[in-house]
Amino acid sequence: MRELRITPDVARSVRLVVLDVDGVLTDGGLYMGATEAGTAIELKRFEITDGLGIKMLDRAGLHVVLVSGRSSAANRVRAAELDVPFHEGPGGFKLEIVEELQSIHEVDWQETACVCDDLADLPIFRRAGLAVAVANAVPEVKAIAHGVTRRRGGHGAVREFAEALLHARGEWAALVDAYVNERDPARQVQGVR
């Protein structure tokens, strides 16, 4: 298994971050049920620290998108809460979606990072300039990954990726300072770092 180590050159080349959802931002489990009226309900567990990692990537000026191989109201709610674009490729068809996003943002594959876990991700994962597998990824994804997180999907893997990428870019400390200063009026007045 390749440990997640991102070189500064690779990190600085990244402009688009594509995150799979099920098995990456969640643990892959689904809670399915229905209301008394018969309305289907789907619940998922998202790791809260991944959300802040996504916000830090956004603050660094990177385009962050969530791309899922299935239609899911829970995924749409989480993407809206994070204020990041969410795209669904029902049946696991993600390649066309990512290529359209690259065109919109004028980004090529070498400038694209993907964090993935399963077979439906392989068409985009093979092409990515930075392909990161989560710890619970299938062997086929891990085999071609540039690095593998220590954490499992839904348990902080995206946060681990975000920190590694931003550390390699030399931006993590300044982003943390800015984030904390916004939330601590005393630090803002005194100019404390």
N, C-alpha and C. Protein backbone atom coordinates (compact mmCIF):
# COMPACT_ATOMS: atom_id res chain seq x y z
N MET A 1 0.85 -1.18 0.00
CA MET A 1 0.00 0.00 0.00
C MET A 1 0.89 1.24 0.00
N ARG A 2 0.60 2.17 -0.90
CA ARG A 2 1.36 3.42 -0.99
C ARG A 2 0.83 4.42 0.01
N GLU A 3 1.69 4.85 0.90
CA GLU A 3 1.31 5.87 1.88
C GLU A 3 1.01 7.18 1.15
N LEU A 4 0.16 7.99 1.74
CA LEU A 4 -0.20 9.26 1.13
C LEU A 4 0.90 10.28 1.36
N ARG A 5 1.70 10.51 0.34
CA ARG A 5 2.74 11.53 0.35
C ARG A 5 2.60 12.31 -0.95
N ILE A 6 2.41 13.60 -0.85
CA ILE A 6 2.21 14.43 -2.02
C ILE A 6 3.38 15.39 -2.14
N THR A 7 4.03 15.38 -3.28
CA THR A 7 5.17 16.28 -3.48
C THR A 7 4.67 17.70 -3.73
N PRO A 8 5.47 18.69 -3.39
CA PRO A 8 5.08 20.08 -3.64
C PRO A 8 4.75 20.36 -5.10
N ASP A 9 5.51 19.81 -6.03
CA ASP A 9 5.25 20.04 -7.46
C ASP A 9 3.88 19.51 -7.87
N VAL A 10 3.56 18.30 -7.45
CA VAL A 10 2.25 17.72 -7.77
C VAL A 10 1.16 18.53 -7.08
N ALA A 11 1.36 18.87 -5.82
CA ALA A 11 0.35 19.62 -5.07
C ALA A 11 0.05 20.97 -5.71
N ARG A 12 1.09 21.66 -6.14
CA ARG A 12 0.89 22.98 -6.74
C ARG A 12 0.22 22.90 -8.11
N SER A 13 0.30 21.76 -8.77
CA SER A 13 -0.33 21.63 -10.08
C SER A 13 -1.85 21.39 -9.98
N VAL A 14 -2.33 20.96 -8.83
CA VAL A 14 -3.76 20.64 -8.67
C VAL A 14 -4.60 21.90 -8.66
N ARG A 15 -5.64 21.89 -9.51
CA ARG A 15 -6.59 23.01 -9.57
C ARG A 15 -8.02 22.54 -9.38
N LEU A 16 -8.28 21.25 -9.64
CA LEU A 16 -9.62 20.66 -9.51
C LEU A 16 -9.52 19.43 -8.63
N VAL A 17 -10.38 19.38 -7.60
CA VAL A 17 -10.43 18.23 -6.70
C VAL A 17 -11.79 17.57 -6.86
N VAL A 18 -11.78 16.31 -7.30
CA VAL A 18 -13.00 15.53 -7.49
C VAL A 18 -13.09 14.53 -6.36
N LEU A 19 -14.18 14.61 -5.60
CA LEU A 19 -14.39 13.71 -4.47
C LEU A 19 -15.58 12.80 -4.75
N ASP A 20 -15.36 11.50 -4.68
CA ASP A 20 -16.47 10.56 -4.70
C ASP A 20 -17.21 10.75 -3.38
N VAL A 21 -18.43 10.28 -3.29
CA VAL A 21 -19.20 10.48 -2.06
C VAL A 21 -19.31 9.18 -1.27
N ASP A 22 -20.06 8.21 -1.78
CA ASP A 22 -20.29 6.97 -1.04
C ASP A 22 -19.02 6.15 -0.93
N GLY A 23 -18.59 5.90 0.30
CA GLY A 23 -17.35 5.18 0.54
C GLY A 23 -16.15 6.08 0.69
N VAL A 24 -16.32 7.38 0.40
CA VAL A 24 -15.23 8.36 0.54
C VAL A 24 -15.64 9.42 1.57
N LEU A 25 -16.73 10.13 1.30
CA LEU A 25 -17.26 11.08 2.28
C LEU A 25 -18.18 10.39 3.28
N THR A 26 -18.63 9.19 2.94
CA THR A 26 -19.41 8.37 3.87
C THR A 26 -18.68 7.05 4.06
N ASP A 27 -19.16 6.25 5.00
CA ASP A 27 -18.55 4.93 5.20
C ASP A 27 -19.11 3.90 4.23
N GLY A 28 -19.96 4.35 3.32
CA GLY A 28 -20.53 3.45 2.32
C GLY A 28 -21.83 2.81 2.75
N GLY A 29 -22.20 3.00 4.02
CA GLY A 29 -23.44 2.42 4.50
C GLY A 29 -24.65 3.28 4.17
N LEU A 30 -25.80 2.65 4.03
CA LEU A 30 -27.05 3.35 3.79
C LEU A 30 -28.06 2.92 4.83
N TYR A 31 -28.79 3.89 5.37
CA TYR A 31 -29.92 3.60 6.22
C TYR A 31 -31.15 3.91 5.38
N MET A 32 -31.91 2.90 5.04
CA MET A 32 -33.06 3.06 4.16
C MET A 32 -34.33 2.75 4.94
N GLY A 33 -35.35 3.53 4.65
CA GLY A 33 -36.64 3.31 5.29
C GLY A 33 -37.71 4.10 4.58
N ALA A 34 -38.85 4.23 5.23
CA ALA A 34 -39.96 4.99 4.66
C ALA A 34 -40.79 5.59 5.78
N THR A 35 -41.43 6.70 5.47
CA THR A 35 -42.35 7.34 6.42
C THR A 35 -43.65 6.55 6.42
N GLU A 36 -44.54 6.89 7.34
CA GLU A 36 -45.87 6.26 7.39
C GLU A 36 -46.60 6.43 6.07
N ALA A 37 -46.37 7.56 5.39
CA ALA A 37 -47.03 7.84 4.12
C ALA A 37 -46.38 7.10 2.95
N GLY A 38 -45.28 6.41 3.22
CA GLY A 38 -44.62 5.65 2.17
C GLY A 38 -43.51 6.39 1.45
N THR A 39 -43.16 7.59 1.91
CA THR A 39 -42.07 8.34 1.30
C THR A 39 -40.74 7.70 1.70
N ALA A 40 -39.93 7.39 0.70
CA ALA A 40 -38.63 6.77 0.96
C ALA A 40 -37.71 7.73 1.70
N ILE A 41 -36.93 7.18 2.62
CA ILE A 41 -35.95 7.96 3.39
C ILE A 41 -34.60 7.26 3.26
N GLU A 42 -33.58 8.06 2.99
CA GLU A 42 -32.22 7.55 2.92
C GLU A 42 -31.35 8.42 3.82
N LEU A 43 -30.66 7.81 4.74
CA LEU A 43 -29.77 8.54 5.64
C LEU A 43 -28.35 8.00 5.48
N LYS A 44 -27.38 8.91 5.63
CA LYS A 44 -25.97 8.54 5.56
C LYS A 44 -25.21 9.27 6.65
N ARG A 45 -24.09 8.71 7.04
CA ARG A 45 -23.21 9.35 8.02
C ARG A 45 -22.06 10.01 7.28
N PHE A 46 -21.91 11.32 7.50
CA PHE A 46 -20.79 12.08 6.95
C PHE A 46 -19.89 12.51 8.10
N GLU A 47 -18.59 12.44 7.90
CA GLU A 47 -17.61 12.86 8.90
C GLU A 47 -17.49 14.37 8.87
N ILE A 48 -17.73 15.02 10.01
CA ILE A 48 -17.74 16.48 10.07
C ILE A 48 -16.38 17.09 9.74
N THR A 49 -15.29 16.44 10.11
CA THR A 49 -13.97 17.02 9.84
C THR A 49 -13.65 17.05 8.35
N ASP A 50 -14.26 16.15 7.58
CA ASP A 50 -14.09 16.20 6.12
C ASP A 50 -14.64 17.51 5.57
N GLY A 51 -15.74 17.98 6.16
CA GLY A 51 -16.35 19.23 5.70
C GLY A 51 -15.40 20.40 5.83
N LEU A 52 -14.71 20.50 6.95
CA LEU A 52 -13.76 21.60 7.11
C LEU A 52 -12.57 21.43 6.17
N GLY A 53 -12.17 20.20 5.92
CA GLY A 53 -11.11 19.96 4.95
C GLY A 53 -11.51 20.47 3.57
N ILE A 54 -12.76 20.23 3.18
CA ILE A 54 -13.27 20.71 1.90
C ILE A 54 -13.29 22.24 1.88
N LYS A 55 -13.71 22.84 2.98
CA LYS A 55 -13.73 24.31 3.06
C LYS A 55 -12.31 24.88 2.92
N MET A 56 -11.33 24.22 3.51
CA MET A 56 -9.95 24.69 3.40
C MET A 56 -9.44 24.57 1.96
N LEU A 57 -9.81 23.51 1.27
CA LEU A 57 -9.43 23.38 -0.15
C LEU A 57 -10.04 24.52 -0.96
N ASP A 58 -11.29 24.83 -0.66
CA ASP A 58 -11.97 25.93 -1.33
C ASP A 58 -11.29 27.27 -1.02
N ARG A 59 -10.94 27.49 0.24
CA ARG A 59 -10.27 28.72 0.63
C ARG A 59 -8.92 28.88 -0.08
N ALA A 60 -8.31 27.75 -0.43
CA ALA A 60 -7.02 27.78 -1.13
C ALA A 60 -7.21 28.08 -2.62
N GLY A 61 -8.45 28.24 -3.04
CA GLY A 61 -8.72 28.59 -4.43
C GLY A 61 -8.88 27.41 -5.36
N LEU A 62 -9.00 26.22 -4.81
CA LEU A 62 -9.18 25.03 -5.64
C LEU A 62 -10.67 24.83 -5.94
N HIS A 63 -10.96 24.30 -7.11
CA HIS A 63 -12.33 23.94 -7.46
C HIS A 63 -12.59 22.56 -6.86
N VAL A 64 -13.55 22.46 -5.95
CA VAL A 64 -13.87 21.19 -5.31
C VAL A 64 -15.27 20.79 -5.75
N VAL A 65 -15.41 19.55 -6.24
CA VAL A 65 -16.70 19.04 -6.67
C VAL A 65 -16.92 17.65 -6.10
N LEU A 66 -18.17 17.35 -5.81
CA LEU A 66 -18.56 16.01 -5.39
C LEU A 66 -19.21 15.33 -6.59
N VAL A 67 -18.77 14.11 -6.88
CA VAL A 67 -19.32 13.36 -8.01
C VAL A 67 -19.68 11.96 -7.50
N SER A 68 -20.96 11.62 -7.65
CA SER A 68 -21.44 10.33 -7.17
C SER A 68 -21.99 9.50 -8.31
N GLY A 69 -21.88 8.21 -8.17
CA GLY A 69 -22.41 7.30 -9.17
C GLY A 69 -23.86 6.94 -8.94
N ARG A 70 -24.50 7.59 -7.99
CA ARG A 70 -25.91 7.30 -7.74
C ARG A 70 -26.65 8.57 -7.34
N SER A 71 -27.92 8.57 -7.63
CA SER A 71 -28.77 9.69 -7.26
C SER A 71 -29.10 9.57 -5.78
N SER A 72 -28.90 10.67 -5.03
CA SER A 72 -29.09 10.61 -3.58
C SER A 72 -29.43 11.99 -3.02
N ALA A 73 -30.59 12.07 -2.39
CA ALA A 73 -30.99 13.32 -1.74
C ALA A 73 -30.04 13.65 -0.59
N ALA A 74 -29.57 12.64 0.13
CA ALA A 74 -28.64 12.88 1.24
C ALA A 74 -27.35 13.53 0.73
N ASN A 75 -26.86 13.07 -0.41
CA ASN A 75 -25.65 13.66 -0.99
C ASN A 75 -25.89 15.11 -1.40
N ARG A 76 -27.06 15.36 -1.98
CA ARG A 76 -27.39 16.74 -2.40
C ARG A 76 -27.46 17.67 -1.19
N VAL A 77 -28.03 17.18 -0.09
CA VAL A 77 -28.13 18.00 1.12
C VAL A 77 -26.74 18.32 1.66
N ARG A 78 -25.86 17.34 1.71
CA ARG A 78 -24.51 17.56 2.23
C ARG A 78 -23.73 18.52 1.32
N ALA A 79 -23.86 18.37 0.02
CA ALA A 79 -23.17 19.27 -0.91
C ALA A 79 -23.68 20.70 -0.74
N ALA A 80 -24.98 20.86 -0.58
CA ALA A 80 -25.56 22.20 -0.39
C ALA A 80 -25.06 22.81 0.91
N GLU A 81 -24.98 22.00 1.96
CA GLU A 81 -24.49 22.49 3.25
C GLU A 81 -23.04 22.97 3.13
N LEU A 82 -22.25 22.26 2.33
CA LEU A 82 -20.83 22.61 2.14
C LEU A 82 -20.66 23.69 1.08
N ASP A 83 -21.73 23.98 0.35
CA ASP A 83 -21.70 24.97 -0.73
C ASP A 83 -20.69 24.59 -1.81
N VAL A 84 -20.72 23.30 -2.18
CA VAL A 84 -19.87 22.80 -3.27
C VAL A 84 -20.76 22.13 -4.32
N PRO A 85 -20.36 22.20 -5.58
CA PRO A 85 -21.16 21.56 -6.62
C PRO A 85 -21.23 20.04 -6.43
N PHE A 86 -22.38 19.49 -6.76
CA PHE A 86 -22.59 18.05 -6.68
C PHE A 86 -23.14 17.57 -8.01
N HIS A 87 -22.52 16.52 -8.54
CA HIS A 87 -22.94 15.97 -9.82
C HIS A 87 -23.19 14.47 -9.66
N GLU A 88 -24.30 14.02 -10.23
CA GLU A 88 -24.66 12.62 -10.16
C GLU A 88 -24.45 11.96 -11.52
N GLY A 89 -23.78 10.83 -11.50
CA GLY A 89 -23.59 10.03 -12.70
C GLY A 89 -24.24 8.68 -12.46
N PRO A 90 -25.60 8.65 -12.50
CA PRO A 90 -26.30 7.39 -12.19
C PRO A 90 -25.71 6.20 -12.94
N GLY A 91 -25.59 5.11 -12.24
CA GLY A 91 -25.00 3.91 -12.81
C GLY A 91 -23.49 3.93 -12.77
N GLY A 92 -22.91 4.95 -12.14
CA GLY A 92 -21.46 5.02 -12.00
C GLY A 92 -20.75 5.65 -13.18
N PHE A 93 -21.47 6.35 -14.06
CA PHE A 93 -20.85 6.97 -15.23
C PHE A 93 -20.37 8.38 -14.86
N LYS A 94 -19.09 8.49 -14.54
CA LYS A 94 -18.53 9.75 -14.03
C LYS A 94 -17.58 10.45 -15.00
N LEU A 95 -17.03 9.72 -15.94
CA LEU A 95 -15.99 10.27 -16.82
C LEU A 95 -16.49 11.50 -17.57
N GLU A 96 -17.64 11.42 -18.18
CA GLU A 96 -18.17 12.55 -18.95
C GLU A 96 -18.40 13.77 -18.05
N ILE A 97 -18.87 13.53 -16.83
CA ILE A 97 -19.11 14.63 -15.88
C ILE A 97 -17.80 15.34 -15.57
N VAL A 98 -16.76 14.57 -15.25
CA VAL A 98 -15.48 15.17 -14.88
C VAL A 98 -14.87 15.90 -16.08
N GLU A 99 -14.96 15.32 -17.26
CA GLU A 99 -14.41 15.99 -18.45
C GLU A 99 -15.14 17.31 -18.72
N GLU A 100 -16.44 17.35 -18.48
CA GLU A 100 -17.19 18.60 -18.64
C GLU A 100 -16.74 19.63 -17.60
N LEU A 101 -16.52 19.20 -16.37
CA LEU A 101 -16.04 20.11 -15.32
C LEU A 101 -14.65 20.64 -15.67
N GLN A 102 -13.80 19.78 -16.20
CA GLN A 102 -12.47 20.22 -16.62
C GLN A 102 -12.56 21.28 -17.70
N SER A 103 -13.47 21.09 -18.63
CA SER A 103 -13.66 22.06 -19.69
C SER A 103 -14.14 23.40 -19.13
N ILE A 104 -15.10 23.35 -18.23
CA ILE A 104 -15.64 24.58 -17.62
C ILE A 104 -14.54 25.35 -16.89
N HIS A 105 -13.71 24.63 -16.15
CA HIS A 105 -12.67 25.27 -15.33
C HIS A 105 -11.33 25.39 -16.06
N GLU A 106 -11.28 24.96 -17.31
CA GLU A 106 -10.06 25.00 -18.11
C GLU A 106 -8.90 24.30 -17.41
N VAL A 107 -9.16 23.06 -17.04
CA VAL A 107 -8.22 22.23 -16.29
C VAL A 107 -8.01 20.93 -17.07
N ASP A 108 -6.79 20.41 -17.04
CA ASP A 108 -6.56 19.11 -17.69
C ASP A 108 -6.40 18.03 -16.62
N TRP A 109 -6.16 16.80 -17.07
CA TRP A 109 -6.07 15.68 -16.12
C TRP A 109 -4.89 15.84 -15.16
N GLN A 110 -3.78 16.40 -15.60
CA GLN A 110 -2.62 16.58 -14.73
C GLN A 110 -2.92 17.57 -13.60
N GLU A 111 -3.92 18.40 -13.78
CA GLU A 111 -4.31 19.38 -12.76
C GLU A 111 -5.51 18.92 -11.93
N THR A 112 -5.87 17.65 -12.10
CA THR A 112 -7.04 17.08 -11.43
C THR A 112 -6.62 16.06 -10.39
N ALA A 113 -7.13 16.23 -9.17
CA ALA A 113 -6.95 15.24 -8.11
C ALA A 113 -8.28 14.54 -7.89
N CYS A 114 -8.24 13.23 -7.69
CA CYS A 114 -9.44 12.45 -7.42
C CYS A 114 -9.22 11.64 -6.15
N VAL A 115 -10.23 11.64 -5.28
CA VAL A 115 -10.21 10.80 -4.09
C VAL A 115 -11.38 9.82 -4.25
N CYS A 116 -11.04 8.53 -4.33
CA CYS A 116 -12.03 7.53 -4.73
C CYS A 116 -11.87 6.23 -3.96
N ASP A 117 -12.81 5.29 -4.23
CA ASP A 117 -12.76 4.02 -3.51
C ASP A 117 -13.19 2.78 -4.29
N ASP A 118 -13.92 2.93 -5.41
CA ASP A 118 -14.53 1.72 -5.98
C ASP A 118 -14.38 1.65 -7.50
N LEU A 119 -14.84 0.57 -8.07
CA LEU A 119 -14.64 0.27 -9.49
C LEU A 119 -15.20 1.34 -10.42
N ALA A 120 -16.34 1.92 -10.08
CA ALA A 120 -16.93 2.95 -10.95
C ALA A 120 -16.02 4.17 -11.08
N ASP A 121 -15.08 4.32 -10.16
CA ASP A 121 -14.16 5.47 -10.17
C ASP A 121 -12.96 5.26 -11.09
N LEU A 122 -12.70 4.04 -11.50
CA LEU A 122 -11.48 3.74 -12.25
C LEU A 122 -11.31 4.57 -13.54
N PRO A 123 -12.36 4.82 -14.33
CA PRO A 123 -12.14 5.63 -15.54
C PRO A 123 -11.58 7.03 -15.25
N ILE A 124 -11.99 7.66 -14.16
CA ILE A 124 -11.43 8.98 -13.83
C ILE A 124 -10.13 8.84 -13.04
N PHE A 125 -10.06 7.83 -12.22
CA PHE A 125 -8.91 7.61 -11.35
C PHE A 125 -7.63 7.36 -12.17
N ARG A 126 -7.76 6.57 -13.24
CA ARG A 126 -6.62 6.24 -14.11
C ARG A 126 -6.01 7.47 -14.75
N ARG A 127 -6.82 8.49 -14.98
CA ARG A 127 -6.39 9.66 -15.72
C ARG A 127 -5.87 10.78 -14.82
N ALA A 128 -6.24 10.77 -13.57
CA ALA A 128 -5.95 11.89 -12.66
C ALA A 128 -4.46 12.09 -12.44
N GLY A 129 -4.07 13.36 -12.37
CA GLY A 129 -2.68 13.70 -12.06
C GLY A 129 -2.33 13.32 -10.63
N LEU A 130 -3.34 13.32 -9.76
CA LEU A 130 -3.18 12.89 -8.38
C LEU A 130 -4.36 12.01 -8.03
N ALA A 131 -4.13 10.71 -7.93
CA ALA A 131 -5.17 9.72 -7.64
C ALA A 131 -4.95 9.18 -6.23
N VAL A 132 -5.90 9.49 -5.34
CA VAL A 132 -5.78 9.08 -3.94
C VAL A 132 -6.91 8.12 -3.59
N ALA A 133 -6.54 6.97 -3.07
CA ALA A 133 -7.52 5.98 -2.61
C ALA A 133 -7.70 6.12 -1.10
N VAL A 134 -8.91 5.91 -0.64
CA VAL A 134 -9.15 5.88 0.81
C VAL A 134 -8.79 4.48 1.32
N ALA A 135 -8.56 4.36 2.60
CA ALA A 135 -8.08 3.10 3.19
C ALA A 135 -8.99 1.92 2.89
N ASN A 136 -10.30 2.16 2.75
CA ASN A 136 -11.25 1.08 2.49
C ASN A 136 -11.52 0.86 1.01
N ALA A 137 -10.70 1.44 0.13
CA ALA A 137 -10.89 1.26 -1.31
C ALA A 137 -10.67 -0.19 -1.72
N VAL A 138 -11.27 -0.55 -2.85
CA VAL A 138 -11.09 -1.91 -3.38
C VAL A 138 -9.66 -2.06 -3.91
N PRO A 139 -9.15 -3.29 -3.98
CA PRO A 139 -7.77 -3.52 -4.41
C PRO A 139 -7.44 -2.92 -5.78
N GLU A 140 -8.39 -2.93 -6.71
CA GLU A 140 -8.13 -2.40 -8.04
C GLU A 140 -7.85 -0.90 -8.01
N VAL A 141 -8.49 -0.18 -7.11
CA VAL A 141 -8.26 1.26 -6.97
C VAL A 141 -6.93 1.50 -6.26
N LYS A 142 -6.71 0.77 -5.18
CA LYS A 142 -5.45 0.93 -4.44
C LYS A 142 -4.23 0.61 -5.32
N ALA A 143 -4.37 -0.35 -6.21
CA ALA A 143 -3.25 -0.79 -7.04
C ALA A 143 -2.72 0.32 -7.94
N ILE A 144 -3.57 1.25 -8.36
CA ILE A 144 -3.10 2.31 -9.26
C ILE A 144 -3.07 3.68 -8.60
N ALA A 145 -3.34 3.73 -7.31
CA ALA A 145 -3.34 5.00 -6.57
C ALA A 145 -1.93 5.55 -6.43
N HIS A 146 -1.83 6.87 -6.45
CA HIS A 146 -0.56 7.53 -6.14
C HIS A 146 -0.30 7.50 -4.64
N GLY A 147 -1.37 7.36 -3.86
CA GLY A 147 -1.26 7.28 -2.42
C GLY A 147 -2.56 6.80 -1.82
N VAL A 148 -2.48 6.25 -0.61
CA VAL A 148 -3.65 5.72 0.09
C VAL A 148 -3.72 6.37 1.47
N THR A 149 -4.89 6.86 1.83
CA THR A 149 -5.05 7.47 3.16
C THR A 149 -4.98 6.40 4.25
N ARG A 150 -4.61 6.82 5.44
CA ARG A 150 -4.65 5.92 6.59
C ARG A 150 -6.10 5.77 7.07
N ARG A 151 -6.88 6.82 6.91
CA ARG A 151 -8.27 6.81 7.37
C ARG A 151 -9.19 6.24 6.30
N ARG A 152 -10.26 5.65 6.79
CA ARG A 152 -11.28 5.08 5.91
C ARG A 152 -12.24 6.18 5.45
N GLY A 153 -12.92 5.92 4.35
CA GLY A 153 -13.96 6.82 3.89
C GLY A 153 -15.03 6.98 4.96
N GLY A 154 -15.51 8.21 5.13
CA GLY A 154 -16.50 8.49 6.15
C GLY A 154 -15.92 8.62 7.55
N HIS A 155 -14.61 8.51 7.65
CA HIS A 155 -13.93 8.59 8.95
C HIS A 155 -12.71 9.51 8.87
N GLY A 156 -12.81 10.57 8.08
CA GLY A 156 -11.75 11.57 8.03
C GLY A 156 -10.74 11.42 6.90
N ALA A 157 -11.00 10.54 5.94
CA ALA A 157 -10.06 10.36 4.83
C ALA A 157 -9.92 11.62 3.98
N VAL A 158 -11.02 12.32 3.77
CA VAL A 158 -10.97 13.53 2.95
C VAL A 158 -10.22 14.63 3.69
N ARG A 159 -10.40 14.73 4.99
CA ARG A 159 -9.65 15.70 5.78
C ARG A 159 -8.16 15.40 5.72
N GLU A 160 -7.82 14.12 5.83
CA GLU A 160 -6.41 13.71 5.74
C GLU A 160 -5.83 14.12 4.39
N PHE A 161 -6.58 13.87 3.32
CA PHE A 161 -6.14 14.27 1.98
C PHE A 161 -5.98 15.78 1.89
N ALA A 162 -6.97 16.53 2.35
CA ALA A 162 -6.93 18.00 2.27
C ALA A 162 -5.71 18.55 3.00
N GLU A 163 -5.46 18.06 4.20
CA GLU A 163 -4.30 18.53 4.96
C GLU A 163 -3.00 18.18 4.24
N ALA A 164 -2.89 16.97 3.72
CA ALA A 164 -1.66 16.56 3.01
C ALA A 164 -1.43 17.43 1.78
N LEU A 165 -2.48 17.68 1.02
CA LEU A 165 -2.34 18.50 -0.18
C LEU A 165 -1.95 19.93 0.17
N LEU A 166 -2.63 20.50 1.15
CA LEU A 166 -2.37 21.90 1.51
C LEU A 166 -1.03 22.07 2.23
N HIS A 167 -0.61 21.08 3.00
CA HIS A 167 0.74 21.12 3.58
C HIS A 167 1.78 21.10 2.46
N ALA A 168 1.59 20.21 1.48
CA ALA A 168 2.55 20.11 0.37
C ALA A 168 2.60 21.40 -0.45
N ARG A 169 1.49 22.12 -0.51
CA ARG A 169 1.45 23.41 -1.22
C ARG A 169 2.02 24.54 -0.37
N GLY A 170 2.27 24.26 0.92
CA GLY A 170 2.79 25.28 1.83
C GLY A 170 1.72 26.27 2.28
N GLU A 171 0.45 25.88 2.24
CA GLU A 171 -0.66 26.79 2.53
C GLU A 171 -1.42 26.47 3.80
N TRP A 172 -1.23 25.29 4.38
CA TRP A 172 -2.05 24.85 5.50
C TRP A 172 -1.97 25.81 6.69
N ALA A 173 -0.79 26.16 7.13
CA ALA A 173 -0.64 27.00 8.34
C ALA A 173 -1.34 28.34 8.17
N ALA A 174 -1.18 29.00 7.04
CA ALA A 174 -1.82 30.30 6.81
C ALA A 174 -3.34 30.16 6.76
N LEU A 175 -3.82 29.08 6.17
CA LEU A 175 -5.27 28.86 6.11
C LEU A 175 -5.84 28.63 7.51
N VAL A 176 -5.13 27.87 8.33
CA VAL A 176 -5.57 27.64 9.70
C VAL A 176 -5.58 28.95 10.48
N ASP A 177 -4.50 29.74 10.36
CA ASP A 177 -4.45 31.04 11.05
C ASP A 177 -5.63 31.91 10.66
N ALA A 178 -5.91 32.02 9.37
CA ALA A 178 -7.02 32.86 8.90
C ALA A 178 -8.34 32.34 9.43
N TYR A 179 -8.52 31.03 9.42
CA TYR A 179 -9.76 30.42 9.91
C TYR A 179 -9.97 30.72 11.40
N VAL A 180 -8.92 30.53 12.19
CA VAL A 180 -9.01 30.77 13.64
C VAL A 180 -9.20 32.26 13.92
N ASN A 181 -8.47 33.11 13.23
CA ASN A 181 -8.59 34.56 13.46
C ASN A 181 -10.00 35.06 13.18
N GLU A 182 -10.67 34.49 12.20
CA GLU A 182 -12.05 34.89 11.91
C GLU A 182 -12.99 34.57 13.06
N ARG A 183 -12.65 33.59 13.85
CA ARG A 183 -13.50 33.12 14.93
C ARG A 183 -13.07 33.59 16.31
N ASP A 184 -12.01 34.39 16.37
CA ASP A 184 -11.47 34.86 17.65
C ASP A 184 -11.24 36.36 17.57
N PRO A 185 -12.24 37.15 17.96
CA PRO A 185 -12.13 38.61 17.85
C PRO A 185 -10.90 39.19 18.56
N ALA A 186 -10.49 38.61 19.68
CA ALA A 186 -9.33 39.12 20.42
C ALA A 186 -8.07 38.99 19.56
N ARG A 187 -7.93 37.91 18.82
CA ARG A 187 -6.77 37.73 17.95
C ARG A 187 -6.80 38.73 16.80
N GLN A 188 -7.99 39.06 16.31
CA GLN A 188 -8.11 40.01 15.21
C GLN A 188 -7.65 41.40 15.65
N VAL A 189 -8.07 41.82 16.84
CA VAL A 189 -7.73 43.16 17.35
C VAL A 189 -6.24 43.25 17.65
N GLN A 190 -5.70 42.23 18.28
CA GLN A 190 -4.30 42.26 18.69
C GLN A 190 -3.36 41.87 17.54
N GLY A 191 -3.90 41.31 16.47
CA GLY A 191 -3.05 40.87 15.37
C GLY A 191 -2.22 39.67 15.74
N VAL A 192 -2.67 38.89 16.71
CA VAL A 192 -1.94 37.71 17.17
C VAL A 192 -2.05 36.61 16.12
N ARG A 193 -0.98 35.87 15.94
CA ARG A 193 -1.01 34.76 14.98
C ARG A 193 -1.13 33.46 15.68
